[in-house]
């Protein structure tokens, strides 16, 4: 079973335990969509680090102009890219056959194994979000430490 299947299994088992089976079909794929976005943004954060490392030795005036132009493209691509990745993950795991196959595979295991699968899915969900937060916290710290914030605030008149 994949980690995304484990997330679906965790949500299904949680909803089954809480006696809310109707929520499992929407919440599980929703959690998978969030994880897909977190993973994509984590990779994008690593790419941003490489770009920041390349441009930190550039002239401040050129860097300022480049950063303003790049910011406009970044806002649009971040929103549209995140939306696209979320929708792909959400609707792929919401397909009836995919969802039922994951649930059938989960229920075929003994109860102890089901619990382990559910815990691993939950750990992956939380871990993806924690890694995303850590990557962007380090990027913000480096942005300030390397002096990009000072360059960003310069006037280009």
Protein backbone atom coordinates (compact mmCIF):
# COMPACT_ATOMS: atom_id res chain seq x y z
CA UNK A 1 0.00 0.00 0.00
CA UNK A 2 1.28 3.45 -0.88
CA UNK A 3 1.58 6.26 1.64
CA UNK A 4 -1.35 8.00 -0.02
CA UNK A 5 -3.39 4.82 0.34
CA UNK A 6 -2.36 4.74 3.99
CA UNK A 7 -3.73 8.27 4.42
CA UNK A 8 -7.04 7.16 2.89
CA UNK A 9 -7.02 4.08 5.17
CA UNK A 10 -6.32 6.24 8.23
CA UNK A 11 -9.21 8.52 7.43
CA UNK A 12 -11.53 5.60 6.69
CA UNK A 13 -10.65 3.87 9.96
CA UNK A 14 -11.02 7.13 11.89
CA UNK A 15 -14.45 7.79 10.36
CA UNK A 16 -15.48 4.19 10.99
CA UNK A 17 -14.42 4.49 14.64
CA UNK A 18 -16.36 7.75 15.03
CA UNK A 19 -19.36 6.19 13.25
CA UNK A 20 -19.27 8.76 10.42
CA UNK A 21 -18.73 6.66 7.29
CA UNK A 22 -20.09 9.37 4.96
CA UNK A 23 -17.16 11.68 5.70
CA UNK A 24 -14.50 9.16 4.70
CA UNK A 25 -15.12 9.45 0.95
CA UNK A 26 -14.43 13.21 0.95
CA UNK A 27 -12.00 13.74 3.82
CA UNK A 28 -9.49 11.06 2.80
CA UNK A 29 -8.97 12.36 -0.75
CA UNK A 30 -8.93 15.90 0.66
CA UNK A 31 -6.05 14.94 2.97
CA UNK A 32 -4.23 13.31 0.04
CA UNK A 33 -4.65 16.50 -2.01
CA UNK A 34 -3.17 18.52 0.84
CA UNK A 35 -0.21 16.15 1.08
CA UNK A 36 0.40 16.36 -2.68
CA UNK A 37 0.47 20.16 -2.44
CA UNK A 38 2.78 20.02 0.61
CA UNK A 39 5.17 17.69 -1.21
CA UNK A 40 5.15 19.83 -4.37
CA UNK A 41 5.72 23.02 -2.37
CA UNK A 42 8.56 21.35 -0.45
CA UNK A 43 10.30 20.52 -3.73
CA UNK A 44 9.62 24.06 -4.91
CA UNK A 45 11.17 25.36 -1.67
CA UNK A 46 14.35 23.44 -2.40
CA UNK A 47 14.38 24.97 -5.89
CA UNK A 48 13.94 28.43 -4.32
CA UNK A 49 16.95 27.78 -2.11
CA UNK A 50 19.12 27.02 -5.14
CA UNK A 51 17.95 30.22 -6.84
CA UNK A 52 18.57 32.31 -3.73
CA UNK A 53 22.06 30.87 -3.45
CA UNK A 54 22.82 31.75 -7.08
CA UNK A 55 21.52 35.33 -6.89
CA UNK A 56 22.89 36.42 -3.53
CA UNK A 57 26.15 37.70 -5.08
CA UNK A 58 24.45 39.85 -7.77
CA UNK A 59 24.38 43.66 -7.88
CA UNK A 60 21.66 45.02 -5.57
CA UNK A 61 19.95 47.18 -8.21
CA UNK A 62 19.71 44.34 -10.72
CA UNK A 63 18.62 41.98 -7.97
CA UNK A 64 15.89 44.37 -6.84
CA UNK A 65 14.42 44.61 -10.34
CA UNK A 66 14.66 40.86 -10.82
CA UNK A 67 12.95 40.16 -7.49
CA UNK A 68 9.95 42.39 -8.26
CA UNK A 69 9.43 40.77 -11.64
CA UNK A 70 9.88 37.31 -10.20
CA UNK A 71 7.40 38.01 -7.39
CA UNK A 72 4.60 38.74 -9.85
CA UNK A 73 5.13 35.44 -11.67
CA UNK A 74 5.57 33.56 -8.39
CA UNK A 75 2.21 34.64 -6.96
CA UNK A 76 0.30 33.44 -9.99
CA UNK A 77 2.20 30.19 -10.46
CA UNK A 78 2.06 29.30 -6.76
CA UNK A 79 -1.72 29.67 -6.64
CA UNK A 80 -2.48 27.94 -9.93
CA UNK A 81 0.11 25.20 -9.43
CA UNK A 82 -1.10 24.41 -5.92
CA UNK A 83 -4.70 24.33 -7.10
CA UNK A 84 -3.87 22.01 -9.99
CA UNK A 85 -1.83 19.61 -7.84
CA UNK A 86 -4.56 19.55 -5.18
CA UNK A 87 -7.30 18.83 -7.69
CA UNK A 88 -5.26 16.06 -9.34
CA UNK A 89 -4.62 14.34 -6.02
CA UNK A 90 -8.16 14.84 -4.75
CA UNK A 91 -9.98 13.59 -7.83
CA UNK A 92 -7.59 10.70 -8.51
CA UNK A 93 -8.15 9.22 -5.06
CA UNK A 94 -11.86 10.03 -5.17
CA UNK A 95 -12.43 7.74 -8.17
CA UNK A 96 -14.71 4.98 -6.95
CA UNK A 97 -12.58 2.03 -8.05
CA UNK A 98 -9.35 3.48 -6.62
CA UNK A 99 -11.00 4.38 -3.33
CA UNK A 100 -12.76 1.01 -2.96
CA UNK A 101 -9.59 -0.89 -3.81
CA UNK A 102 -7.70 0.92 -1.03
CA UNK A 103 -10.50 0.28 1.48
CA UNK A 104 -10.84 -3.39 0.47
CA UNK A 105 -7.08 -3.88 0.80
CA UNK A 106 -7.10 -2.21 4.21
CA UNK A 107 -10.00 -4.29 5.50
CA UNK A 108 -8.36 -7.52 4.27
CA UNK A 109 -5.57 -7.12 6.84
CA UNK A 110 -5.87 -8.09 10.51
CA UNK A 111 -6.97 -5.32 12.87
CA UNK A 112 -3.48 -4.73 14.26
CA UNK A 113 -2.05 -4.23 10.77
CA UNK A 114 -4.92 -1.87 9.91
CA UNK A 115 -3.99 0.27 12.90
CA UNK A 116 -0.32 0.34 11.85
CA UNK A 117 -1.29 1.38 8.31
CA UNK A 118 -3.56 4.10 9.67
CA UNK A 119 -0.84 5.41 11.99
CA UNK A 120 1.72 5.45 9.20
CA UNK A 121 -0.70 7.39 6.96
CA UNK A 122 -1.34 9.93 9.71
CA UNK A 123 2.41 10.28 10.39
CA UNK A 124 3.08 10.89 6.71
CA UNK A 125 0.32 13.51 6.58
CA UNK A 126 1.63 15.39 9.61
CA UNK A 127 5.27 14.88 8.57
CA UNK A 128 4.65 16.39 5.13
CA UNK A 129 3.16 19.50 6.70
CA UNK A 130 5.99 19.81 9.25
CA UNK A 131 8.66 19.46 6.55
CA UNK A 132 6.90 22.13 4.46
CA UNK A 133 6.82 24.54 7.39
CA UNK A 134 10.49 23.88 8.24
CA UNK A 135 11.66 24.40 4.65
CA UNK A 136 9.89 27.74 4.32
CA UNK A 137 10.97 28.86 7.79
CA UNK A 138 14.60 28.22 6.78
CA UNK A 139 14.02 30.03 3.47
CA UNK A 140 12.61 33.08 5.27
CA UNK A 141 15.53 33.05 7.70
CA UNK A 142 18.03 32.83 4.81
CA UNK A 143 16.14 35.57 2.93
CA UNK A 144 16.69 37.93 5.82
CA UNK A 145 20.20 36.68 6.72
CA UNK A 146 21.56 36.95 3.18
CA UNK A 147 20.27 40.51 2.87
CA UNK A 148 17.50 39.96 0.32
CA UNK A 149 15.01 41.80 2.51
CA UNK A 150 17.21 44.93 2.44
CA UNK A 151 17.50 44.68 -1.35
CA UNK A 152 13.74 44.19 -1.63
CA UNK A 153 13.08 47.44 0.20
CA UNK A 154 15.33 49.61 -1.99
CA UNK A 155 13.84 52.24 -4.26
CA UNK A 156 14.47 51.85 -7.98
CA UNK A 157 13.54 55.37 -9.09
